[in-house]
Amino acid sequence: MMIENAIVDSGWSVVGPAAQLAEAKELAAVESFDAALLDVNLGGEMSWEVAAILADRNIPFVFTTGYDAATALPQQFADRPVVGKPFAPEQIVAALGELLGY
């Protein structure tokens, strides 16, 4: 909720959130948005399928994770930005802003 509030307070709209992989895949495939925040682990499932959908649609995204990003991300996503947990909402806003060129 704090992250969503920080994003909205920055003047952006929020699509979602999706707590489960199936929800996230649906949103990634059909919704219109400029950037995404994607947790590596969604309800106990890895979010690589969602990341692939976003990449195919040329939608920039940033991962969040409590895992070691250097070893957790598959090779095809190793160049994607990562915000490590725990994080402050301001870090998420900054990462999304960077993706969008703000």
C-alpha atoms as a PDB file:
ATOM      1  CA  MET A   1       0.000   0.000   0.000  1.00  0.00           C
ATOM      2  CA  MET A   2       2.861   2.382   0.805  1.00  0.00           C
ATOM      3  CA  ILE A   3       4.425   1.738  -2.593  1.00  0.00           C
ATOM      4  CA  GLU A   4       1.142   2.309  -4.397  1.00  0.00           C
ATOM      5  CA  ASN A   5       0.613   5.560  -2.475  1.00  0.00           C
ATOM      6  CA  ALA A   6       4.128   6.764  -3.300  1.00  0.00           C
ATOM      7  CA  ILE A   7       3.566   6.053  -6.997  1.00  0.00           C
ATOM      8  CA  VAL A   8       0.211   7.845  -7.017  1.00  0.00           C
ATOM      9  CA  ASP A   9       1.678  10.737  -5.027  1.00  0.00           C
ATOM     10  CA  SER A  10       4.303  11.061  -7.783  1.00  0.00           C
ATOM     11  CA  GLY A  11       1.522  11.700 -10.291  1.00  0.00           C
ATOM     12  CA  TRP A  12       1.395   8.267 -11.885  1.00  0.00           C
ATOM     13  CA  SER A  13      -1.461   5.790 -12.103  1.00  0.00           C
ATOM     14  CA  VAL A  14      -1.274   2.229 -10.845  1.00  0.00           C
ATOM     15  CA  VAL A  15      -2.467  -0.791 -12.806  1.00  0.00           C
ATOM     16  CA  GLY A  16      -2.897  -3.718 -10.465  1.00  0.00           C
ATOM     17  CA  PRO A  17      -1.324  -4.748  -8.209  1.00  0.00           C
ATOM     18  CA  ALA A  18      -1.206  -8.453  -8.929  1.00  0.00           C
ATOM     19  CA  ALA A  19      -0.191 -10.754  -6.093  1.00  0.00           C
ATOM     20  CA  GLN A  20      -0.333 -13.985  -8.096  1.00  0.00           C
ATOM     21  CA  LEU A  21       1.464 -15.031 -11.266  1.00  0.00           C
ATOM     22  CA  ALA A  22      -1.722 -15.616 -13.287  1.00  0.00           C
ATOM     23  CA  GLU A  23      -3.012 -12.127 -12.466  1.00  0.00           C
ATOM     24  CA  ALA A  24       0.324 -10.546 -13.346  1.00  0.00           C
ATOM     25  CA  LYS A  25       0.502 -12.388 -16.673  1.00  0.00           C
ATOM     26  CA  GLU A  26      -2.983 -11.186 -17.589  1.00  0.00           C
ATOM     27  CA  LEU A  27      -2.197  -7.576 -16.698  1.00  0.00           C
ATOM     28  CA  ALA A  28       1.132  -7.708 -18.527  1.00  0.00           C
ATOM     29  CA  ALA A  29      -0.516  -9.108 -21.646  1.00  0.00           C
ATOM     30  CA  VAL A  30      -3.562  -6.863 -21.979  1.00  0.00           C
ATOM     31  CA  GLU A  31      -3.269  -3.656 -19.970  1.00  0.00           C
ATOM     32  CA  SER A  32      -1.798  -0.405 -21.207  1.00  0.00           C
ATOM     33  CA  PHE A  33       0.966   1.111 -19.070  1.00  0.00           C
ATOM     34  CA  ASP A  34       4.352   2.767 -19.491  1.00  0.00           C
ATOM     35  CA  ALA A  35       6.470   0.804 -17.008  1.00  0.00           C
ATOM     36  CA  ALA A  36       6.160  -2.012 -14.494  1.00  0.00           C
ATOM     37  CA  LEU A  37       7.385  -2.968 -11.061  1.00  0.00           C
ATOM     38  CA  LEU A  38       7.780  -6.730 -10.902  1.00  0.00           C
ATOM     39  CA  ASP A  39       8.556  -8.788  -7.825  1.00  0.00           C
ATOM     40  CA  VAL A  40      10.753 -11.775  -8.654  1.00  0.00           C
ATOM     41  CA  ASN A  41       8.549 -14.013  -6.507  1.00  0.00           C
ATOM     42  CA  LEU A  42       4.782 -13.700  -6.966  1.00  0.00           C
ATOM     43  CA  GLY A  43       2.856 -15.850  -4.539  1.00  0.00           C
ATOM     44  CA  GLY A  44       5.594 -18.475  -4.460  1.00  0.00           C
ATOM     45  CA  GLU A  45       6.130 -18.545  -8.234  1.00  0.00           C
ATOM     46  CA  MET A  46       8.956 -16.931 -10.148  1.00  0.00           C
ATOM     47  CA  SER A  47       7.840 -14.053 -12.378  1.00  0.00           C
ATOM     48  CA  TRP A  48       9.958 -14.845 -15.448  1.00  0.00           C
ATOM     49  CA  GLU A  49       6.908 -15.406 -17.665  1.00  0.00           C
ATOM     50  CA  VAL A  50       5.598 -11.955 -16.772  1.00  0.00           C
ATOM     51  CA  ALA A  51       9.003 -10.427 -17.464  1.00  0.00           C
ATOM     52  CA  ALA A  52       9.050 -12.121 -20.878  1.00  0.00           C
ATOM     53  CA  ILE A  53       5.627 -10.697 -21.738  1.00  0.00           C
ATOM     54  CA  LEU A  54       6.742  -7.213 -20.715  1.00  0.00           C
ATOM     55  CA  ALA A  55       9.964  -7.546 -22.711  1.00  0.00           C
ATOM     56  CA  ASP A  56       8.038  -8.752 -25.784  1.00  0.00           C
ATOM     57  CA  ARG A  57       5.761  -5.716 -25.489  1.00  0.00           C
ATOM     58  CA  ASN A  58       8.762  -3.385 -25.020  1.00  0.00           C
ATOM     59  CA  ILE A  59       7.461  -2.244 -21.643  1.00  0.00           C
ATOM     60  CA  PRO A  60      10.344  -1.308 -19.351  1.00  0.00           C
ATOM     61  CA  PHE A  61      10.314  -2.885 -15.917  1.00  0.00           C
ATOM     62  CA  VAL A  62      12.273  -3.035 -12.714  1.00  0.00           C
ATOM     63  CA  PHE A  63      12.499  -6.116 -10.530  1.00  0.00           C
ATOM     64  CA  THR A  64      12.192  -6.100  -6.760  1.00  0.00           C
ATOM     65  CA  THR A  65      13.645  -8.964  -4.798  1.00  0.00           C
ATOM     66  CA  GLY A  66      15.020 -10.074  -1.494  1.00  0.00           C
ATOM     67  CA  TYR A  67      17.222 -12.582  -3.330  1.00  0.00           C
ATOM     68  CA  ASP A  68      20.750 -11.865  -4.506  1.00  0.00           C
ATOM     69  CA  ALA A  69      20.012 -10.334  -7.908  1.00  0.00           C
ATOM     70  CA  ALA A  70      23.375 -11.404  -9.298  1.00  0.00           C
ATOM     71  CA  THR A  71      22.437 -15.063  -8.920  1.00  0.00           C
ATOM     72  CA  ALA A  72      18.622 -14.995  -8.889  1.00  0.00           C
ATOM     73  CA  LEU A  73      17.901 -13.465 -12.293  1.00  0.00           C
ATOM     74  CA  PRO A  74      17.993 -15.638 -15.402  1.00  0.00           C
ATOM     75  CA  GLN A  75      20.544 -14.617 -18.033  1.00  0.00           C
ATOM     76  CA  GLN A  76      17.953 -12.999 -20.333  1.00  0.00           C
ATOM     77  CA  PHE A  77      16.987 -10.544 -17.559  1.00  0.00           C
ATOM     78  CA  ALA A  78      20.410 -10.001 -15.975  1.00  0.00           C
ATOM     79  CA  ASP A  79      20.610  -6.484 -17.428  1.00  0.00           C
ATOM     80  CA  ARG A  80      17.299  -5.339 -15.935  1.00  0.00           C
ATOM     81  CA  PRO A  81      17.294  -2.911 -13.025  1.00  0.00           C
ATOM     82  CA  VAL A  82      16.704  -4.358  -9.562  1.00  0.00           C
ATOM     83  CA  VAL A  83      15.648  -2.737  -6.309  1.00  0.00           C
ATOM     84  CA  GLY A  84      16.622  -4.957  -3.397  1.00  0.00           C
ATOM     85  CA  LYS A  85      14.408  -5.608  -0.407  1.00  0.00           C
ATOM     86  CA  PRO A  86      13.926  -4.105   2.009  1.00  0.00           C
ATOM     87  CA  PHE A  87      13.415  -0.818   0.212  1.00  0.00           C
ATOM     88  CA  ALA A  88      11.806   2.533   0.812  1.00  0.00           C
ATOM     89  CA  PRO A  89       8.936   3.670  -1.406  1.00  0.00           C
ATOM     90  CA  GLU A  90      11.152   6.516  -2.621  1.00  0.00           C
ATOM     91  CA  GLN A  91      13.565   3.973  -4.098  1.00  0.00           C
ATOM     92  CA  ILE A  92      10.757   2.468  -6.161  1.00  0.00           C
ATOM     93  CA  VAL A  93       9.637   5.888  -7.390  1.00  0.00           C
ATOM     94  CA  ALA A  94      13.234   6.725  -8.324  1.00  0.00           C
ATOM     95  CA  ALA A  95      13.706   3.426 -10.194  1.00  0.00           C
ATOM     96  CA  LEU A  96      10.460   3.863 -12.134  1.00  0.00           C
ATOM     97  CA  GLY A  97      11.358   7.470 -12.862  1.00  0.00           C
ATOM     98  CA  GLU A  98      14.691   6.352 -14.271  1.00  0.00           C
ATOM     99  CA  LEU A  99      12.946   3.853 -16.553  1.00  0.00           C
ATOM    100  CA  LEU A 100      10.674   6.599 -17.835  1.00  0.00           C
ATOM    101  CA  GLY A 101      13.415   9.185 -18.215  1.00  0.00           C
ATOM    102  CA  TYR A 102      12.356  11.475 -15.361  1.00  0.00           C
END
